[in-house]
C-alpha atoms as a PDB file:
ATOM      1  CA  MET A   1      16.899   7.801  -8.657  1.00  0.00           C
ATOM      2  CA  ALA A   2      14.523   5.170  -9.988  1.00  0.00           C
ATOM      3  CA  TRP A   3      14.668   1.809  -8.218  1.00  0.00           C
ATOM      4  CA  GLU A   4      14.665  -1.463 -10.145  1.00  0.00           C
ATOM      5  CA  TYR A   5      11.442  -3.086  -8.999  1.00  0.00           C
ATOM      6  CA  SER A   6      10.110  -6.410 -10.223  1.00  0.00           C
ATOM      7  CA  GLU A   7       7.093  -6.375 -12.514  1.00  0.00           C
ATOM      8  CA  LYS A   8       5.016  -7.947  -9.748  1.00  0.00           C
ATOM      9  CA  THR A   9       5.977  -5.191  -7.306  1.00  0.00           C
ATOM     10  CA  LYS A  10       5.068  -2.481  -9.792  1.00  0.00           C
ATOM     11  CA  GLN A  11       1.753  -4.139 -10.630  1.00  0.00           C
ATOM     12  CA  LEU A  12       0.771  -4.533  -6.975  1.00  0.00           C
ATOM     13  CA  PHE A  13       1.591  -0.891  -6.360  1.00  0.00           C
ATOM     14  CA  MET A  14      -0.396   0.365  -9.365  1.00  0.00           C
ATOM     15  CA  ASP A  15      -3.410  -1.805  -8.528  1.00  0.00           C
ATOM     16  CA  ALA A  16      -3.396  -0.595  -4.917  1.00  0.00           C
ATOM     17  CA  VAL A  17      -3.176   3.128  -5.635  1.00  0.00           C
ATOM     18  CA  GLN A  18      -5.908   2.767  -8.274  1.00  0.00           C
ATOM     19  CA  GLY A  19      -8.120   1.014  -5.734  1.00  0.00           C
ATOM     20  CA  LYS A  20      -8.701  -2.070  -7.843  1.00  0.00           C
ATOM     21  CA  PRO A  21     -10.883  -4.847  -6.384  1.00  0.00           C
ATOM     22  CA  GLY A  22      -8.936  -7.268  -4.235  1.00  0.00           C
ATOM     23  CA  THR A  23      -6.391  -4.712  -3.041  1.00  0.00           C
ATOM     24  CA  HIS A  24      -5.949  -3.698   0.580  1.00  0.00           C
ATOM     25  CA  LEU A  25      -5.077  -0.016   0.828  1.00  0.00           C
ATOM     26  CA  GLY A  26      -7.426   1.466   3.419  1.00  0.00           C
ATOM     27  CA  GLU A  27      -8.531   1.084   7.022  1.00  0.00           C
ATOM     28  CA  ILE A  28     -11.044  -1.156   8.784  1.00  0.00           C
ATOM     29  CA  GLU A  29     -13.425   0.660  11.102  1.00  0.00           C
ATOM     30  CA  ASN A  30     -13.809  -0.881  14.567  1.00  0.00           C
ATOM     31  CA  ALA A  31     -11.029  -3.306  13.711  1.00  0.00           C
ATOM     32  CA  ASP A  32     -10.301  -6.327  15.875  1.00  0.00           C
ATOM     33  CA  GLY A  33      -6.609  -5.502  15.661  1.00  0.00           C
ATOM     34  CA  MET A  34      -4.889  -2.183  14.965  1.00  0.00           C
ATOM     35  CA  GLY A  35      -1.184  -1.358  15.075  1.00  0.00           C
ATOM     36  CA  GLU A  36       1.196   1.338  13.892  1.00  0.00           C
ATOM     37  CA  HIS A  37       4.901   1.544  13.143  1.00  0.00           C
ATOM     38  CA  GLY A  38       7.231   4.345  12.081  1.00  0.00           C
ATOM     39  CA  SER A  39       6.573   8.057  11.980  1.00  0.00           C
ATOM     40  CA  ILE A  40       5.635  10.628   9.366  1.00  0.00           C
ATOM     41  CA  ALA A  41       8.650  12.707  10.378  1.00  0.00           C
ATOM     42  CA  CYS A  42      10.947   9.856   9.335  1.00  0.00           C
ATOM     43  CA  GLY A  43       9.260   9.523   5.961  1.00  0.00           C
ATOM     44  CA  ASP A  44       7.793   6.080   6.618  1.00  0.00           C
ATOM     45  CA  ALA A  45       4.727   5.265   8.695  1.00  0.00           C
ATOM     46  CA  MET A  46       2.174   2.476   8.595  1.00  0.00           C
ATOM     47  CA  ARG A  47      -1.120   1.570  10.224  1.00  0.00           C
ATOM     48  CA  PHE A  48      -2.263  -2.038   9.948  1.00  0.00           C
ATOM     49  CA  THR A  49      -5.811  -3.166  10.768  1.00  0.00           C
ATOM     50  CA  PHE A  50      -7.541  -6.515  10.553  1.00  0.00           C
ATOM     51  CA  ARG A  51     -10.907  -8.125  11.214  1.00  0.00           C
ATOM     52  CA  VAL A  52     -11.319 -11.680  12.453  1.00  0.00           C
ATOM     53  CA  GLU A  53     -13.975 -14.342  12.333  1.00  0.00           C
ATOM     54  CA  ARG A  54     -14.239 -15.125  16.018  1.00  0.00           C
ATOM     55  CA  ASP A  55     -14.084 -18.679  17.302  1.00  0.00           C
ATOM     56  CA  ALA A  56     -16.862 -19.312  19.802  1.00  0.00           C
ATOM     57  CA  SER A  57     -14.696 -21.159  22.324  1.00  0.00           C
ATOM     58  CA  ASP A  58     -11.027 -20.362  21.709  1.00  0.00           C
ATOM     59  CA  PRO A  59      -9.852 -16.863  20.676  1.00  0.00           C
ATOM     60  CA  CYS A  60      -6.535 -18.343  19.540  1.00  0.00           C
ATOM     61  CA  LYS A  61      -8.508 -19.937  16.701  1.00  0.00           C
ATOM     62  CA  ASP A  62      -9.861 -16.589  15.429  1.00  0.00           C
ATOM     63  CA  ARG A  63      -9.228 -16.321  11.681  1.00  0.00           C
ATOM     64  CA  ILE A  64      -8.274 -13.081   9.926  1.00  0.00           C
ATOM     65  CA  VAL A  65     -10.811 -12.516   7.164  1.00  0.00           C
ATOM     66  CA  GLN A  66      -9.911  -8.949   6.222  1.00  0.00           C
ATOM     67  CA  ALA A  67      -6.620  -7.021   6.410  1.00  0.00           C
ATOM     68  CA  ARG A  68      -5.951  -3.396   5.457  1.00  0.00           C
ATOM     69  CA  TYR A  69      -3.119  -0.883   5.714  1.00  0.00           C
ATOM     70  CA  LEU A  70      -2.475   2.823   5.439  1.00  0.00           C
ATOM     71  CA  THR A  71       1.061   3.980   4.746  1.00  0.00           C
ATOM     72  CA  PHE A  72       3.121   7.092   4.212  1.00  0.00           C
ATOM     73  CA  GLY A  73       5.589   5.180   2.120  1.00  0.00           C
ATOM     74  CA  CYS A  74       6.912   4.479  -1.325  1.00  0.00           C
ATOM     75  CA  THR A  75       6.247   1.888  -4.032  1.00  0.00           C
ATOM     76  CA  SER A  76       7.929  -0.885  -2.070  1.00  0.00           C
ATOM     77  CA  ALA A  77       6.093  -0.035   1.181  1.00  0.00           C
ATOM     78  CA  ILE A  78       2.735  -0.302  -0.557  1.00  0.00           C
ATOM     79  CA  ALA A  79       3.655  -3.438  -2.503  1.00  0.00           C
ATOM     80  CA  ALA A  80       5.093  -5.138   0.600  1.00  0.00           C
ATOM     81  CA  SER A  81       1.920  -4.318   2.539  1.00  0.00           C
ATOM     82  CA  GLU A  82      -0.185  -5.741  -0.283  1.00  0.00           C
ATOM     83  CA  ALA A  83       1.902  -8.905  -0.161  1.00  0.00           C
ATOM     84  CA  LEU A  84       1.454  -9.227   3.600  1.00  0.00           C
ATOM     85  CA  CYS A  85      -2.327  -8.748   3.462  1.00  0.00           C
ATOM     86  CA  THR A  86      -2.682 -11.146   0.541  1.00  0.00           C
ATOM     87  CA  ILE A  87      -0.730 -13.932   2.257  1.00  0.00           C
ATOM     88  CA  ILE A  88      -2.752 -13.517   5.462  1.00  0.00           C
ATOM     89  CA  GLU A  89      -6.151 -13.552   3.728  1.00  0.00           C
ATOM     90  CA  GLN A  90      -5.420 -16.269   1.189  1.00  0.00           C
ATOM     91  CA  GLU A  91      -4.098 -18.623   3.851  1.00  0.00           C
ATOM     92  CA  SER A  92      -6.826 -17.654   6.368  1.00  0.00           C
ATOM     93  CA  ARG A  93      -4.257 -17.275   9.117  1.00  0.00           C
ATOM     94  CA  THR A  94      -4.958 -16.713  12.770  1.00  0.00           C
ATOM     95  CA  PRO A  95      -3.366 -13.559  14.224  1.00  0.00           C
ATOM     96  CA  ILE A  96      -0.684 -15.686  15.876  1.00  0.00           C
ATOM     97  CA  GLU A  97      -0.021 -17.589  12.652  1.00  0.00           C
ATOM     98  CA  ALA A  98       0.254 -14.277  10.792  1.00  0.00           C
ATOM     99  CA  LEU A  99       3.273 -13.422  12.937  1.00  0.00           C
ATOM    100  CA  GLN A 100       5.134 -16.311  11.325  1.00  0.00           C
ATOM    101  CA  ILE A 101       5.242 -14.528   7.952  1.00  0.00           C
ATOM    102  CA  SER A 102       8.879 -13.558   7.538  1.00  0.00           C
ATOM    103  CA  ASN A 103      10.376 -10.578   5.784  1.00  0.00           C
ATOM    104  CA  ALA A 104      12.016 -13.003   3.370  1.00  0.00           C
ATOM    105  CA  ALA A 105       8.584 -14.451   2.486  1.00  0.00           C
ATOM    106  CA  ILE A 106       7.297 -10.973   1.630  1.00  0.00           C
ATOM    107  CA  VAL A 107      10.357 -10.206  -0.500  1.00  0.00           C
ATOM    108  CA  ASP A 108       9.965 -13.566  -2.274  1.00  0.00           C
ATOM    109  CA  PHE A 109       6.267 -12.838  -2.904  1.00  0.00           C
ATOM    110  CA  LEU A 110       7.331  -9.610  -4.641  1.00  0.00           C
ATOM    111  CA  ASP A 111       9.973 -11.410  -6.721  1.00  0.00           C
ATOM    112  CA  GLY A 112      12.625  -9.421  -4.896  1.00  0.00           C
ATOM    113  CA  LEU A 113      13.200  -5.891  -3.608  1.00  0.00           C
ATOM    114  CA  PRO A 114      16.185  -3.552  -4.007  1.00  0.00           C
ATOM    115  CA  GLU A 115      18.538  -3.874  -1.028  1.00  0.00           C
ATOM    116  CA  GLN A 116      17.844  -0.307   0.012  1.00  0.00           C
ATOM    117  CA  LYS A 117      14.106  -1.002   0.198  1.00  0.00           C
ATOM    118  CA  VAL A 118      14.066  -4.130   2.350  1.00  0.00           C
ATOM    119  CA  HIS A 119      13.155  -1.967   5.358  1.00  0.00           C
ATOM    120  CA  CYS A 120       9.695  -1.536   3.804  1.00  0.00           C
ATOM    121  CA  SER A 121       8.900  -5.216   4.376  1.00  0.00           C
ATOM    122  CA  VAL A 122      10.154  -4.901   7.947  1.00  0.00           C
ATOM    123  CA  MET A 123       7.863  -1.916   8.535  1.00  0.00           C
ATOM    124  CA  GLY A 124       4.780  -3.960   7.595  1.00  0.00           C
ATOM    125  CA  ALA A 125       5.787  -6.824   9.873  1.00  0.00           C
ATOM    126  CA  GLU A 126       6.285  -4.442  12.803  1.00  0.00           C
ATOM    127  CA  ALA A 127       2.862  -2.838  12.255  1.00  0.00           C
ATOM    128  CA  LEU A 128       1.307  -6.331  12.116  1.00  0.00           C
ATOM    129  CA  GLU A 129       2.949  -7.240  15.438  1.00  0.00           C
ATOM    130  CA  ALA A 130       1.435  -4.144  17.040  1.00  0.00           C
ATOM    131  CA  ALA A 131      -1.992  -5.051  15.608  1.00  0.00           C
ATOM    132  CA  VAL A 132      -1.764  -8.599  16.954  1.00  0.00           C
ATOM    133  CA  PHE A 133      -0.821  -7.257  20.383  1.00  0.00           C
ATOM    134  CA  ASN A 134      -3.902  -5.015  20.233  1.00  0.00           C
ATOM    135  CA  TRP A 135      -6.118  -7.990  19.251  1.00  0.00           C
ATOM    136  CA  ALA A 136      -4.695 -10.086  22.077  1.00  0.00           C
ATOM    137  CA  GLN A 137      -5.514  -7.393  24.625  1.00  0.00           C
ATOM    138  CA  LYS A 138      -9.085  -7.162  23.362  1.00  0.00           C
ATOM    139  CA  ARG A 139      -9.598 -10.922  23.329  1.00  0.00           C
ATOM    140  CA  GLY A 140      -7.843 -11.643  26.610  1.00  0.00           C
ATOM    141  CA  VAL A 141      -5.116 -13.749  25.015  1.00  0.00           C
ATOM    142  CA  ASN A 142      -1.931 -14.120  27.074  1.00  0.00           C
ATOM    143  CA  LEU A 143       0.681 -14.065  24.334  1.00  0.00           C
ATOM    144  CA  LYS A 144       3.620 -14.606  26.665  1.00  0.00           C
ATOM    145  CA  ALA A 145       1.985 -17.743  28.044  1.00  0.00           C
ATOM    146  CA  LEU A 146       1.864 -19.013  24.463  1.00  0.00           C
ATOM    147  CA  GLY A 147       5.557 -18.237  23.984  1.00  0.00           C
ATOM    148  CA  VAL A 148       4.912 -15.171  21.844  1.00  0.00           C
ATOM    149  CA  ASP A 149       7.016 -12.138  22.779  1.00  0.00           C
ATOM    150  CA  LEU A 150       6.028  -8.989  20.889  1.00  0.00           C
ATOM    151  CA  HIS A 151       8.531  -6.792  22.728  1.00  0.00           C
ATOM    152  CA  ASP A 152       5.900  -4.373  23.996  1.00  0.00           C
ATOM    153  CA  GLY A 153       7.521  -1.402  25.695  1.00  0.00           C
ATOM    154  CA  GLU A 154      10.799  -2.058  23.924  1.00  0.00           C
ATOM    155  CA  GLU A 155      10.930   1.335  22.227  1.00  0.00           C
ATOM    156  CA  GLU A 156      10.044   3.225  25.397  1.00  0.00           C
ATOM    157  CA  ASP A 157      12.479   1.400  27.690  1.00  0.00           C
ATOM    158  CA  GLY A 158      15.591   1.260  25.532  1.00  0.00           C
ATOM    159  CA  ARG A 159      18.450   3.654  24.985  1.00  0.00           C
ATOM    160  CA  ILE A 160      18.108   5.606  21.737  1.00  0.00           C
ATOM    161  CA  VAL A 161      20.932   4.605  19.387  1.00  0.00           C
ATOM    162  CA  CYS A 162      19.743   6.140  16.107  1.00  0.00           C
ATOM    163  CA  LYS A 163      18.393   9.580  17.032  1.00  0.00           C
ATOM    164  CA  CYS A 164      17.327  10.433  13.478  1.00  0.00           C
ATOM    165  CA  PHE A 165      14.784   7.595  13.451  1.00  0.00           C
ATOM    166  CA  SER A 166      14.336   7.214  17.238  1.00  0.00           C
ATOM    167  CA  LEU A 167      15.407   3.562  17.193  1.00  0.00           C
ATOM    168  CA  THR A 168      16.376   1.964  20.477  1.00  0.00           C
ATOM    169  CA  GLU A 169      19.127  -0.463  21.384  1.00  0.00           C
ATOM    170  CA  PRO A 170      16.720  -3.354  22.245  1.00  0.00           C
ATOM    171  CA  TYR A 171      14.924  -2.952  18.917  1.00  0.00           C
ATOM    172  CA  ILE A 172      18.122  -2.751  16.861  1.00  0.00           C
ATOM    173  CA  ARG A 173      19.647  -5.725  18.687  1.00  0.00           C
ATOM    174  CA  ARG A 174      16.519  -7.781  18.050  1.00  0.00           C
ATOM    175  CA  LYS A 175      16.420  -6.981  14.338  1.00  0.00           C
ATOM    176  CA  ILE A 176      20.166  -7.669  13.937  1.00  0.00           C
ATOM    177  CA  LYS A 177      19.567 -11.172  15.306  1.00  0.00           C
ATOM    178  CA  GLU A 178      16.231 -11.845  13.599  1.00  0.00           C
ATOM    179  CA  LEU A 179      17.400 -10.708  10.163  1.00  0.00           C
ATOM    180  CA  GLU A 180      21.046 -11.795  10.588  1.00  0.00           C
ATOM    181  CA  LEU A 181      22.340  -8.319   9.799  1.00  0.00           C
ATOM    182  CA  ARG A 182      26.122  -8.370   9.595  1.00  0.00           C
ATOM    183  CA  THR A 183      27.143  -4.858   8.511  1.00  0.00           C
ATOM    184  CA  ILE A 184      26.052  -1.280   9.081  1.00  0.00           C
ATOM    185  CA  ALA A 185      24.813  -1.213   5.487  1.00  0.00           C
ATOM    186  CA  ASP A 186      22.659  -4.281   6.235  1.00  0.00           C
ATOM    187  CA  ILE A 187      21.138  -2.510   9.238  1.00  0.00           C
ATOM    188  CA  THR A 188      20.375   0.635   7.246  1.00  0.00           C
ATOM    189  CA  ASN A 189      18.767  -1.325   4.432  1.00  0.00           C
ATOM    190  CA  ALA A 190      16.630  -3.367   6.819  1.00  0.00           C
ATOM    191  CA  ILE A 191      15.458  -0.838   9.428  1.00  0.00           C
ATOM    192  CA  LYS A 192      16.889   2.543   8.270  1.00  0.00           C
ATOM    193  CA  ALA A 193      19.016   3.006  11.405  1.00  0.00           C
ATOM    194  CA  GLY A 194      22.104   5.011  10.519  1.00  0.00           C
ATOM    195  CA  GLY A 195      20.690   6.095   7.187  1.00  0.00           C
ATOM    196  CA  ALA A 196      20.519   9.835   7.826  1.00  0.00           C
ATOM    197  CA  CYS A 197      23.263  11.684   9.706  1.00  0.00           C
ATOM    198  CA  MET A 198      25.292   8.455  10.286  1.00  0.00           C
ATOM    199  CA  ALA A 199      26.542   9.716  13.655  1.00  0.00           C
ATOM    200  CA  CYS A 200      25.519   6.392  15.231  1.00  0.00           C
ATOM    201  CA  HIS A 201      27.695   4.291  12.925  1.00  0.00           C
ATOM    202  CA  HIS A 202      30.891   4.228  14.987  1.00  0.00           C
ATOM    203  CA  GLN A 203      30.138   6.185  18.132  1.00  0.00           C
ATOM    204  CA  PRO A 204      30.494   4.342  21.472  1.00  0.00           C
ATOM    205  CA  GLY A 205      27.470   2.085  21.826  1.00  0.00           C
ATOM    206  CA  GLY A 206      26.596   2.690  18.170  1.00  0.00           C
ATOM    207  CA  LEU A 207      25.760   0.309  15.356  1.00  0.00           C
ATOM    208  CA  GLN A 208      29.245  -1.149  14.906  1.00  0.00           C
ATOM    209  CA  ASP A 209      29.572  -1.762  18.645  1.00  0.00           C
ATOM    210  CA  LEU A 210      26.219  -3.591  18.630  1.00  0.00           C
ATOM    211  CA  LEU A 211      27.316  -5.720  15.677  1.00  0.00           C
ATOM    212  CA  ASP A 212      30.619  -6.549  17.363  1.00  0.00           C
ATOM    213  CA  ASP A 213      28.860  -7.440  20.621  1.00  0.00           C
ATOM    214  CA  ILE A 214      26.354  -9.739  18.900  1.00  0.00           C
ATOM    215  CA  TRP A 215      28.517 -11.417  16.273  1.00  0.00           C
ATOM    216  CA  GLY A 216      31.986 -10.849  17.750  1.00  0.00           C
ATOM    217  CA  ARG A 217      34.589  -8.434  16.495  1.00  0.00           C
ATOM    218  CA  PRO A 218      35.766  -9.651  13.103  1.00  0.00           C
ATOM    219  CA  ASP A 219      39.458 -10.231  12.642  1.00  0.00           C
ATOM    220  CA  ALA A 220      41.106  -7.583  10.534  1.00  0.00           C
ATOM    221  CA  LYS A 221      41.589  -8.820   7.022  1.00  0.00           C
ATOM    222  CA  VAL A 222      43.295  -7.535   3.934  1.00  0.00           C
ATOM    223  CA  VAL A 223      41.042  -7.637   0.887  1.00  0.00           C
ATOM    224  CA  SER A 224      42.760  -9.160  -2.087  1.00  0.00           C
ATOM    225  CA  ALA A 225      43.392  -7.083  -5.152  1.00  0.00           C
ATOM    226  CA  ALA A 226      41.394  -9.562  -7.232  1.00  0.00           C
ATOM    227  CA  ASP A 227      38.337  -9.076  -5.023  1.00  0.00           C
ATOM    228  CA  ALA A 228      38.435  -5.362  -4.350  1.00  0.00           C
ATOM    229  CA  SER A 229      40.565  -3.517  -6.866  1.00  0.00           C
ATOM    230  CA  PRO A 230      38.469  -1.695  -9.470  1.00  0.00           C
ATOM    231  CA  ALA A 231      39.624  -1.101 -12.997  1.00  0.00           C
ATOM    232  CA  GLY A 232      42.228   1.643 -13.101  1.00  0.00           C
ATOM    233  CA  VAL A 233      43.360   1.170  -9.479  1.00  0.00           C
ATOM    234  CA  ASP A 234      46.862  -0.114  -8.820  1.00  0.00           C
ATOM    235  CA  PRO A 235      46.529  -3.433  -6.934  1.00  0.00           C
ATOM    236  CA  ALA A 236      49.503  -2.356  -4.847  1.00  0.00           C
ATOM    237  CA  ASP A 237      47.296   0.348  -3.320  1.00  0.00           C
ATOM    238  CA  VAL A 238      44.807  -2.151  -1.903  1.00  0.00           C
ATOM    239  CA  GLY A 239      45.068  -2.275   1.901  1.00  0.00           C
ATOM    240  CA  ALA A 240      47.616   0.539   1.952  1.00  0.00           C
ATOM    241  CA  VAL A 241      47.312   3.977   3.504  1.00  0.00           C
ATOM    242  CA  LEU A 242      46.389   6.153   0.560  1.00  0.00           C
ATOM    243  CA  THR A 243      47.895   9.479  -0.306  1.00  0.00           C
ATOM    244  CA  PRO A 244      45.429  12.241  -1.279  1.00  0.00           C
ATOM    245  CA  TYR A 245      46.236  11.524  -4.924  1.00  0.00           C
ATOM    246  CA  GLN A 246      45.641   7.791  -4.530  1.00  0.00           C
ATOM    247  CA  LEU A 247      42.409   8.398  -2.600  1.00  0.00           C
ATOM    248  CA  GLY A 248      41.102  10.674  -5.354  1.00  0.00           C
ATOM    249  CA  HIS A 249      42.128   8.144  -7.981  1.00  0.00           C
ATOM    250  CA  ARG A 250      40.318   5.345  -6.138  1.00  0.00           C
ATOM    251  CA  ILE A 251      37.174   7.448  -5.695  1.00  0.00           C
ATOM    252  CA  ASP A 252      37.154   8.368  -9.392  1.00  0.00           C
ATOM    253  CA  ALA A 253      37.490   4.717 -10.375  1.00  0.00           C
ATOM    254  CA  ILE A 254      34.645   3.562  -8.095  1.00  0.00           C
ATOM    255  CA  MET A 255      32.416   6.375  -9.318  1.00  0.00           C
ATOM    256  CA  GLU A 256      33.023   5.426 -12.955  1.00  0.00           C
ATOM    257  CA  ARG A 257      32.598   1.711 -12.419  1.00  0.00           C
ATOM    258  CA  HIS A 258      29.781   1.476  -9.889  1.00  0.00           C
ATOM    259  CA  VAL A 259      27.958   4.735  -9.261  1.00  0.00           C
ATOM    260  CA  LEU A 260      27.705   6.705 -12.488  1.00  0.00           C
ATOM    261  CA  PRO A 261      26.326   3.808 -14.591  1.00  0.00           C
ATOM    262  CA  MET A 262      23.376   3.538 -12.187  1.00  0.00           C
ATOM    263  CA  LEU A 263      22.727   7.273 -12.223  1.00  0.00           C
ATOM    264  CA  ARG A 264      22.995   7.484 -16.006  1.00  0.00           C
ATOM    265  CA  ALA A 265      20.610   4.567 -16.454  1.00  0.00           C
ATOM    266  CA  ASP A 266      17.893   6.800 -14.983  1.00  0.00           C
ATOM    267  CA  GLY A 267      18.871   9.936 -16.875  1.00  0.00           C
ATOM    268  CA  GLY A 268      21.022  11.338 -14.096  1.00  0.00           C
ATOM    269  CA  ASP A 269      24.702  12.076 -13.673  1.00  0.00           C
ATOM    270  CA  ALA A 270      27.172  13.535 -11.201  1.00  0.00           C
ATOM    271  CA  GLU A 271      30.591  15.139 -11.064  1.00  0.00           C
ATOM    272  CA  ILE A 272      33.102  15.430  -8.253  1.00  0.00           C
ATOM    273  CA  VAL A 273      33.774  19.086  -7.527  1.00  0.00           C
ATOM    274  CA  ASP A 274      36.409  18.615  -4.824  1.00  0.00           C
ATOM    275  CA  ILE A 275      37.812  16.167  -2.301  1.00  0.00           C
ATOM    276  CA  LYS A 276      39.072  17.511   1.023  1.00  0.00           C
ATOM    277  CA  ASP A 277      40.413  14.961   3.483  1.00  0.00           C
ATOM    278  CA  THR A 278      37.545  12.420   3.711  1.00  0.00           C
ATOM    279  CA  THR A 279      34.808  14.702   2.385  1.00  0.00           C
ATOM    280  CA  VAL A 280      33.692  14.409  -1.228  1.00  0.00           C
ATOM    281  CA  TYR A 281      31.865  17.396  -2.696  1.00  0.00           C
ATOM    282  CA  LEU A 282      29.563  16.195  -5.452  1.00  0.00           C
ATOM    283  CA  ARG A 283      27.314  17.981  -7.924  1.00  0.00           C
ATOM    284  CA  LEU A 284      24.279  16.007  -9.124  1.00  0.00           C
ATOM    285  CA  GLN A 285      23.343  16.555 -12.739  1.00  0.00           C
ATOM    286  CA  GLY A 286      20.649  15.609 -15.235  1.00  0.00           C
ATOM    287  CA  ALA A 287      17.523  14.017 -13.768  1.00  0.00           C
ATOM    288  CA  CYS A 288      19.234  13.714 -10.370  1.00  0.00           C
ATOM    289  CA  ALA A 289      19.684  17.476 -10.007  1.00  0.00           C
ATOM    290  CA  GLY A 290      15.997  18.218  -9.490  1.00  0.00           C
ATOM    291  CA  CYS A 291      14.947  14.869  -8.033  1.00  0.00           C
ATOM    292  CA  ALA A 292      13.029  14.875  -4.759  1.00  0.00           C
ATOM    293  CA  GLY A 293      15.018  11.817  -3.721  1.00  0.00           C
ATOM    294  CA  ALA A 294      18.423  13.437  -4.307  1.00  0.00           C
ATOM    295  CA  ALA A 295      19.385  13.298  -0.626  1.00  0.00           C
ATOM    296  CA  THR A 296      18.553   9.581  -0.511  1.00  0.00           C
ATOM    297  CA  THR A 297      20.584   8.988  -3.662  1.00  0.00           C
ATOM    298  CA  LEU A 298      23.598  10.681  -2.094  1.00  0.00           C
ATOM    299  CA  LYS A 299      23.414   8.669   1.117  1.00  0.00           C
ATOM    300  CA  LEU A 300      22.253   5.233   0.000  1.00  0.00           C
ATOM    301  CA  LEU A 301      23.942   5.017  -3.385  1.00  0.00           C
ATOM    302  CA  VAL A 302      26.924   7.345  -3.686  1.00  0.00           C
ATOM    303  CA  GLU A 303      28.164   7.634  -0.113  1.00  0.00           C
ATOM    304  CA  ARG A 304      27.449   4.055   0.862  1.00  0.00           C
ATOM    305  CA  THR A 305      29.246   2.719  -2.222  1.00  0.00           C
ATOM    306  CA  LEU A 306      32.308   4.867  -1.561  1.00  0.00           C
ATOM    307  CA  LYS A 307      32.351   3.841   2.106  1.00  0.00           C
ATOM    308  CA  GLU A 308      32.164   0.141   1.233  1.00  0.00           C
ATOM    309  CA  LYS A 309      34.669   0.170  -1.616  1.00  0.00           C
ATOM    310  CA  VAL A 310      37.106   2.946  -0.700  1.00  0.00           C
ATOM    311  CA  ASP A 311      37.083   4.167   2.917  1.00  0.00           C
ATOM    312  CA  GLU A 312      34.310   3.956   5.532  1.00  0.00           C
ATOM    313  CA  ARG A 313      35.212   7.459   6.777  1.00  0.00           C
ATOM    314  CA  LEU A 314      34.141   9.129   3.529  1.00  0.00           C
ATOM    315  CA  ARG A 315      31.249  11.598   3.527  1.00  0.00           C
ATOM    316  CA  VAL A 316      29.526  12.951   0.432  1.00  0.00           C
ATOM    317  CA  ILE A 317      28.109  16.472   0.428  1.00  0.00           C
ATOM    318  CA  ALA A 318      26.028  17.914  -2.391  1.00  0.00           C
ATOM    319  CA  VAL A 319      26.954  21.281  -3.871  1.00  0.00           C
ATOM    320  CA  GLY A 320      24.732  23.372  -6.101  1.00  0.00           C
ATOM    321  CA  GLY A 321      25.292  25.062  -9.405  1.00  0.00           C
END
């Protein structure tokens, strides 16, 4: 599917891939700071490098004069990296000051990002942290003495929670707190954890357990019909245990109201082939049928929407033909 990017995001992306003057796609040789985040196998990876103007007496006063990135990522990854480099260079930040650039600041610089692409701004910030740690080692700066904790060794020491993306419990806990992530969907959007096989969603020690441990287990609540009932769904069904007929009816209504309009806006479409227990068999059509991002569309748009608005146990499986 095609994401709805702001004009500024699209322009930054186009300028970067065309190598226009003032853009930052590339790598600095013999950089003063170099860091990496992500992996090619996961579909997202970034290397961040920077050069400083060294202060003669105090390395903490070094100023970043050049910042570059290389990424195996999408439009938003490139645009978010451009935003990060631009902010750092324009404001002549020190490496330690650069760490203060928040994900929200990057998203604001881009005039917004789709929810499902917020993780791209997080990826750039993580690569920057690694680069600053590298700079500090080279310059003999004791970051911990300055109150800066870059969580070095966090990924190696922690229990793997999300096996698909090799994300550890310490890392996920930290990002939940830093970014105030409140739901599994928030976590997936921000750092991709749980976005592939979803086995870590509700397993013991999984994403929901981490959320409950950090924020407290929310009291069970019944969603009002006015808030949750889509057109064509009997309000009396809201909060009730659904029969197979009612479940199918609810899924059809959510598809028509929320999912299909988004697919059709990009020339795509879909039809439900069958529903068995909590598994929805879906056939993508139109532009979606041959799209390289079809698997992402199924997980992040169709399945996530049905989980949020119908039943969190639902799974969506693509069928051919």
